[in-house]
Amino acid sequence: MCKCVMDYLDARNDVVFNKKTMTSSVAIIYKTLMLVKSWRPLLKPKLKPMVNEMINLVASNAMVAM
């Protein structure tokens, strides 16, 4: 859980303090996928298959869009 919080705080701090914004859609998709993957261990077991399917679907569509 600590890793998830640190990922969130790093992204927030980049926007607030460093004035960094993600302009590339690929970067936004990548950051979103990494955030979802880092939270995956905290899910209830019955939701894990749905999340894995969603991650694979988004990742495959992102590869096609590039």
PDB file of N, CA and C in Angstrom:
ATOM      1  N   MET A   1       0.828  -1.180   0.000  1.00  0.00           N
ATOM      2  CA  MET A   1       0.000   0.000   0.000  1.00  0.00           C
ATOM      3  C   MET A   1       0.874   1.246   0.000  1.00  0.00           C
ATOM      4  N   CYS A   2       1.997   1.166   0.658  1.00  0.00           N
ATOM      5  CA  CYS A   2       2.909   2.313   0.715  1.00  0.00           C
ATOM      6  C   CYS A   2       3.371   2.703  -0.688  1.00  0.00           C
ATOM      7  N   LYS A   3       3.636   1.704  -1.520  1.00  0.00           N
ATOM      8  CA  LYS A   3       4.065   1.964  -2.897  1.00  0.00           C
ATOM      9  C   LYS A   3       2.976   2.717  -3.657  1.00  0.00           C
ATOM     10  N   CYS A   4       1.731   2.333  -3.459  1.00  0.00           N
ATOM     11  CA  CYS A   4       0.614   2.995  -4.140  1.00  0.00           C
ATOM     12  C   CYS A   4       0.519   4.459  -3.732  1.00  0.00           C
ATOM     13  N   VAL A   5       0.653   4.712  -2.464  1.00  0.00           N
ATOM     14  CA  VAL A   5       0.577   6.091  -1.964  1.00  0.00           C
ATOM     15  C   VAL A   5       1.744   6.907  -2.504  1.00  0.00           C
ATOM     16  N   MET A   6       2.922   6.328  -2.530  1.00  0.00           N
ATOM     17  CA  MET A   6       4.092   7.056  -3.037  1.00  0.00           C
ATOM     18  C   MET A   6       3.945   7.359  -4.531  1.00  0.00           C
ATOM     19  N   ASP A   7       3.401   6.421  -5.305  1.00  0.00           N
ATOM     20  CA  ASP A   7       3.159   6.673  -6.734  1.00  0.00           C
ATOM     21  C   ASP A   7       2.210   7.836  -6.924  1.00  0.00           C
ATOM     22  N   TYR A   8       1.155   7.855  -6.127  1.00  0.00           N
ATOM     23  CA  TYR A   8       0.182   8.944  -6.220  1.00  0.00           C
ATOM     24  C   TYR A   8       0.825  10.275  -5.843  1.00  0.00           C
ATOM     25  N   LEU A   9       1.574  10.283  -4.750  1.00  0.00           N
ATOM     26  CA  LEU A   9       2.198  11.531  -4.300  1.00  0.00           C
ATOM     27  C   LEU A   9       3.250  12.034  -5.283  1.00  0.00           C
ATOM     28  N   ASP A  10       3.993  11.129  -5.893  1.00  0.00           N
ATOM     29  CA  ASP A  10       4.986  11.537  -6.898  1.00  0.00           C
ATOM     30  C   ASP A  10       4.319  12.212  -8.094  1.00  0.00           C
ATOM     31  N   ALA A  11       3.237  11.621  -8.568  1.00  0.00           N
ATOM     32  CA  ALA A  11       2.520  12.203  -9.709  1.00  0.00           C
ATOM     33  C   ALA A  11       1.921  13.555  -9.335  1.00  0.00           C
ATOM     34  N   ARG A  12       1.363  13.644  -8.144  1.00  0.00           N
ATOM     35  CA  ARG A  12       0.775  14.900  -7.680  1.00  0.00           C
ATOM     36  C   ARG A  12       1.840  15.970  -7.529  1.00  0.00           C
ATOM     37  N   ASN A  13       2.963  15.610  -6.946  1.00  0.00           N
ATOM     38  CA  ASN A  13       4.036  16.579  -6.732  1.00  0.00           C
ATOM     39  C   ASN A  13       4.617  17.076  -8.052  1.00  0.00           C
ATOM     40  N   ASP A  14       4.701  16.201  -9.036  1.00  0.00           N
ATOM     41  CA  ASP A  14       5.183  16.635 -10.353  1.00  0.00           C
ATOM     42  C   ASP A  14       4.292  17.722 -10.935  1.00  0.00           C
ATOM     43  N   VAL A  15       3.001  17.567 -10.763  1.00  0.00           N
ATOM     44  CA  VAL A  15       2.062  18.555 -11.307  1.00  0.00           C
ATOM     45  C   VAL A  15       2.084  19.840 -10.483  1.00  0.00           C
ATOM     46  N   VAL A  16       2.027  19.708  -9.169  1.00  0.00           N
ATOM     47  CA  VAL A  16       1.887  20.876  -8.295  1.00  0.00           C
ATOM     48  C   VAL A  16       3.184  21.665  -8.176  1.00  0.00           C
ATOM     49  N   PHE A  17       4.283  20.993  -7.884  1.00  0.00           N
ATOM     50  CA  PHE A  17       5.517  21.700  -7.573  1.00  0.00           C
ATOM     51  C   PHE A  17       6.455  21.874  -8.768  1.00  0.00           C
ATOM     52  N   ASN A  18       6.474  20.915  -9.667  1.00  0.00           N
ATOM     53  CA  ASN A  18       7.403  20.975 -10.790  1.00  0.00           C
ATOM     54  C   ASN A  18       6.750  21.454 -12.077  1.00  0.00           C
ATOM     55  N   LYS A  19       5.453  21.749 -12.020  1.00  0.00           N
ATOM     56  CA  LYS A  19       4.699  22.238 -13.176  1.00  0.00           C
ATOM     57  C   LYS A  19       4.810  21.294 -14.377  1.00  0.00           C
ATOM     58  N   LYS A  20       4.915  19.999 -14.091  1.00  0.00           N
ATOM     59  CA  LYS A  20       4.985  19.009 -15.164  1.00  0.00           C
ATOM     60  C   LYS A  20       3.575  18.542 -15.510  1.00  0.00           C
ATOM     61  N   THR A  21       3.269  18.557 -16.765  1.00  0.00           N
ATOM     62  CA  THR A  21       2.018  17.973 -17.231  1.00  0.00           C
ATOM     63  C   THR A  21       2.349  17.006 -18.347  1.00  0.00           C
ATOM     64  N   MET A  22       1.582  15.951 -18.416  1.00  0.00           N
ATOM     65  CA  MET A  22       1.806  14.955 -19.450  1.00  0.00           C
ATOM     66  C   MET A  22       1.062  15.378 -20.708  1.00  0.00           C
ATOM     67  N   THR A  23       1.803  15.590 -21.769  1.00  0.00           N
ATOM     68  CA  THR A  23       1.175  16.015 -23.016  1.00  0.00           C
ATOM     69  C   THR A  23       0.967  14.854 -23.967  1.00  0.00           C
ATOM     70  N   SER A  24       1.725  13.805 -23.798  1.00  0.00           N
ATOM     71  CA  SER A  24       1.623  12.660 -24.686  1.00  0.00           C
ATOM     72  C   SER A  24       0.533  11.710 -24.196  1.00  0.00           C
ATOM     73  N   SER A  25      -0.323  11.282 -25.081  1.00  0.00           N
ATOM     74  CA  SER A  25      -1.365  10.329 -24.700  1.00  0.00           C
ATOM     75  C   SER A  25      -0.757   8.993 -24.285  1.00  0.00           C
ATOM     76  N   VAL A  26       0.367   8.647 -24.876  1.00  0.00           N
ATOM     77  CA  VAL A  26       1.045   7.397 -24.515  1.00  0.00           C
ATOM     78  C   VAL A  26       1.525   7.460 -23.070  1.00  0.00           C
ATOM     79  N   ALA A  27       2.056   8.605 -22.659  1.00  0.00           N
ATOM     80  CA  ALA A  27       2.523   8.759 -21.279  1.00  0.00           C
ATOM     81  C   ALA A  27       1.365   8.663 -20.296  1.00  0.00           C
ATOM     82  N   ILE A  28       0.234   9.242 -20.654  1.00  0.00           N
ATOM     83  CA  ILE A  28      -0.937   9.184 -19.777  1.00  0.00           C
ATOM     84  C   ILE A  28      -1.435   7.751 -19.638  1.00  0.00           C
ATOM     85  N   ILE A  29      -1.493   7.034 -20.747  1.00  0.00           N
ATOM     86  CA  ILE A  29      -1.936   5.635 -20.713  1.00  0.00           C
ATOM     87  C   ILE A  29      -0.966   4.800 -19.891  1.00  0.00           C
ATOM     88  N   TYR A  30       0.332   5.010 -20.092  1.00  0.00           N
ATOM     89  CA  TYR A  30       1.338   4.255 -19.353  1.00  0.00           C
ATOM     90  C   TYR A  30       1.220   4.515 -17.848  1.00  0.00           C
ATOM     91  N   LYS A  31       1.114   5.786 -17.459  1.00  0.00           N
ATOM     92  CA  LYS A  31       0.997   6.134 -16.041  1.00  0.00           C
ATOM     93  C   LYS A  31      -0.262   5.529 -15.435  1.00  0.00           C
ATOM     94  N   THR A  32      -1.357   5.562 -16.182  1.00  0.00           N
ATOM     95  CA  THR A  32      -2.611   4.995 -15.689  1.00  0.00           C
ATOM     96  C   THR A  32      -2.489   3.490 -15.494  1.00  0.00           C
ATOM     97  N   LEU A  33      -1.900   2.807 -16.464  1.00  0.00           N
ATOM     98  CA  LEU A  33      -1.709   1.361 -16.340  1.00  0.00           C
ATOM     99  C   LEU A  33      -0.813   1.004 -15.159  1.00  0.00           C
ATOM    100  N   MET A  34       0.242   1.761 -14.976  1.00  0.00           N
ATOM    101  CA  MET A  34       1.143   1.480 -13.856  1.00  0.00           C
ATOM    102  C   MET A  34       0.453   1.724 -12.511  1.00  0.00           C
ATOM    103  N   LEU A  35      -0.382   2.738 -12.439  1.00  0.00           N
ATOM    104  CA  LEU A  35      -1.124   3.001 -11.206  1.00  0.00           C
ATOM    105  C   LEU A  35      -2.106   1.875 -10.904  1.00  0.00           C
ATOM    106  N   VAL A  36      -2.828   1.419 -11.933  1.00  0.00           N
ATOM    107  CA  VAL A  36      -3.779   0.321 -11.736  1.00  0.00           C
ATOM    108  C   VAL A  36      -3.040  -0.958 -11.347  1.00  0.00           C
ATOM    109  N   LYS A  37      -1.918  -1.213 -11.991  1.00  0.00           N
ATOM    110  CA  LYS A  37      -1.151  -2.418 -11.653  1.00  0.00           C
ATOM    111  C   LYS A  37      -0.604  -2.363 -10.236  1.00  0.00           C
ATOM    112  N   SER A  38      -0.227  -1.191  -9.762  1.00  0.00           N
ATOM    113  CA  SER A  38       0.310  -1.093  -8.405  1.00  0.00           C
ATOM    114  C   SER A  38      -0.786  -1.278  -7.352  1.00  0.00           C
ATOM    115  N   TRP A  39      -2.028  -0.974  -7.685  1.00  0.00           N
ATOM    116  CA  TRP A  39      -3.139  -1.158  -6.758  1.00  0.00           C
ATOM    117  C   TRP A  39      -3.739  -2.559  -6.838  1.00  0.00           C
ATOM    118  N   ARG A  40      -3.390  -3.328  -7.854  1.00  0.00           N
ATOM    119  CA  ARG A  40      -3.980  -4.654  -8.060  1.00  0.00           C
ATOM    120  C   ARG A  40      -3.860  -5.595  -6.856  1.00  0.00           C
ATOM    121  N   PRO A  41      -2.746  -5.628  -6.123  1.00  0.00           N
ATOM    122  CA  PRO A  41      -2.671  -6.545  -4.977  1.00  0.00           C
ATOM    123  C   PRO A  41      -3.693  -6.257  -3.874  1.00  0.00           C
ATOM    124  N   LEU A  42      -4.242  -5.066  -3.842  1.00  0.00           N
ATOM    125  CA  LEU A  42      -5.192  -4.709  -2.788  1.00  0.00           C
ATOM    126  C   LEU A  42      -6.633  -5.086  -3.116  1.00  0.00           C
ATOM    127  N   LEU A  43      -6.860  -5.594  -4.309  1.00  0.00           N
ATOM    128  CA  LEU A  43      -8.218  -5.931  -4.727  1.00  0.00           C
ATOM    129  C   LEU A  43      -8.728  -7.199  -4.058  1.00  0.00           C
ATOM    130  N   LYS A  44     -10.041  -7.293  -3.994  1.00  0.00           N
ATOM    131  CA  LYS A  44     -10.667  -8.525  -3.538  1.00  0.00           C
ATOM    132  C   LYS A  44     -10.415  -9.594  -4.598  1.00  0.00           C
ATOM    133  N   PRO A  45     -10.238 -10.835  -4.181  1.00  0.00           N
ATOM    134  CA  PRO A  45      -9.931 -11.904  -5.147  1.00  0.00           C
ATOM    135  C   PRO A  45     -10.942 -12.038  -6.277  1.00  0.00           C
ATOM    136  N   LYS A  46     -12.218 -11.786  -6.009  1.00  0.00           N
ATOM    137  CA  LYS A  46     -13.211 -11.961  -7.075  1.00  0.00           C
ATOM    138  C   LYS A  46     -13.124 -10.865  -8.136  1.00  0.00           C
ATOM    139  N   LEU A  47     -12.480  -9.734  -7.832  1.00  0.00           N
ATOM    140  CA  LEU A  47     -12.347  -8.652  -8.802  1.00  0.00           C
ATOM    141  C   LEU A  47     -11.060  -8.740  -9.631  1.00  0.00           C
ATOM    142  N   LYS A  48     -10.108  -9.538  -9.199  1.00  0.00           N
ATOM    143  CA  LYS A  48      -8.823  -9.616  -9.886  1.00  0.00           C
ATOM    144  C   LYS A  48      -8.931 -10.052 -11.351  1.00  0.00           C
ATOM    145  N   PRO A  49      -9.748 -11.058 -11.695  1.00  0.00           N
ATOM    146  CA  PRO A  49      -9.850 -11.433 -13.120  1.00  0.00           C
ATOM    147  C   PRO A  49     -10.388 -10.296 -13.991  1.00  0.00           C
ATOM    148  N   MET A  50     -11.350  -9.543 -13.470  1.00  0.00           N
ATOM    149  CA  MET A  50     -11.915  -8.437 -14.236  1.00  0.00           C
ATOM    150  C   MET A  50     -10.868  -7.350 -14.457  1.00  0.00           C
ATOM    151  N   VAL A  51     -10.081  -7.056 -13.432  1.00  0.00           N
ATOM    152  CA  VAL A  51      -9.053  -6.026 -13.551  1.00  0.00           C
ATOM    153  C   VAL A  51      -7.953  -6.483 -14.498  1.00  0.00           C
ATOM    154  N   ASN A  52      -7.559  -7.736 -14.418  1.00  0.00           N
ATOM    155  CA  ASN A  52      -6.538  -8.250 -15.337  1.00  0.00           C
ATOM    156  C   ASN A  52      -7.015  -8.153 -16.783  1.00  0.00           C
ATOM    157  N   GLU A  53      -8.281  -8.466 -17.013  1.00  0.00           N
ATOM    158  CA  GLU A  53      -8.839  -8.368 -18.354  1.00  0.00           C
ATOM    159  C   GLU A  53      -8.851  -6.908 -18.827  1.00  0.00           C
ATOM    160  N   MET A  54      -9.216  -5.995 -17.920  1.00  0.00           N
ATOM    161  CA  MET A  54      -9.251  -4.581 -18.268  1.00  0.00           C
ATOM    162  C   MET A  54      -7.842  -4.069 -18.605  1.00  0.00           C
ATOM    163  N   ILE A  55      -6.858  -4.453 -17.809  1.00  0.00           N
ATOM    164  CA  ILE A  55      -5.478  -4.025 -18.055  1.00  0.00           C
ATOM    165  C   ILE A  55      -5.000  -4.529 -19.409  1.00  0.00           C
ATOM    166  N   ASN A  56      -5.270  -5.787 -19.701  1.00  0.00           N
ATOM    167  CA  ASN A  56      -4.855  -6.354 -20.996  1.00  0.00           C
ATOM    168  C   ASN A  56      -5.553  -5.666 -22.158  1.00  0.00           C
ATOM    169  N   LEU A  57      -6.824  -5.354 -21.996  1.00  0.00           N
ATOM    170  CA  LEU A  57      -7.583  -4.688 -23.039  1.00  0.00           C
ATOM    171  C   LEU A  57      -7.048  -3.282 -23.306  1.00  0.00           C
ATOM    172  N   VAL A  58      -6.808  -2.526 -22.255  1.00  0.00           N
ATOM    173  CA  VAL A  58      -6.289  -1.163 -22.411  1.00  0.00           C
ATOM    174  C   VAL A  58      -4.886  -1.208 -22.997  1.00  0.00           C
ATOM    175  N   ALA A  59      -4.044  -2.112 -22.518  1.00  0.00           N
ATOM    176  CA  ALA A  59      -2.676  -2.210 -23.014  1.00  0.00           C
ATOM    177  C   ALA A  59      -2.649  -2.590 -24.498  1.00  0.00           C
ATOM    178  N   SER A  60      -3.495  -3.530 -24.898  1.00  0.00           N
ATOM    179  CA  SER A  60      -3.495  -3.943 -26.311  1.00  0.00           C
ATOM    180  C   SER A  60      -4.034  -2.827 -27.204  1.00  0.00           C
ATOM    181  N   ASN A  61      -5.043  -2.102 -26.741  1.00  0.00           N
ATOM    182  CA  ASN A  61      -5.563  -0.983 -27.519  1.00  0.00           C
ATOM    183  C   ASN A  61      -4.547   0.162 -27.594  1.00  0.00           C
ATOM    184  N   ALA A  62      -3.777   0.328 -26.546  1.00  0.00           N
ATOM    185  CA  ALA A  62      -2.748   1.371 -26.558  1.00  0.00           C
ATOM    186  C   ALA A  62      -1.652   1.025 -27.562  1.00  0.00           C
ATOM    187  N   MET A  63      -1.327  -0.231 -27.678  1.00  0.00           N
ATOM    188  CA  MET A  63      -0.293  -0.647 -28.631  1.00  0.00           C
ATOM    189  C   MET A  63      -0.775  -0.429 -30.068  1.00  0.00           C
ATOM    190  N   VAL A  64      -2.058  -0.633 -30.313  1.00  0.00           N
ATOM    191  CA  VAL A  64      -2.615  -0.443 -31.648  1.00  0.00           C
ATOM    192  C   VAL A  64      -2.643   1.040 -31.996  1.00  0.00           C
ATOM    193  N   ALA A  65      -2.904   1.886 -30.997  1.00  0.00           N
ATOM    194  CA  ALA A  65      -3.022   3.334 -31.228  1.00  0.00           C
ATOM    195  C   ALA A  65      -1.682   3.986 -31.514  1.00  0.00           C
ATOM    196  N   MET A  66      -0.588   3.342 -31.129  1.00  0.00           N
ATOM    197  CA  MET A  66       0.722   3.964 -31.328  1.00  0.00           C
ATOM    198  C   MET A  66       1.132   3.950 -32.745  1.00  0.00           C
TER     199      MET A  66
END
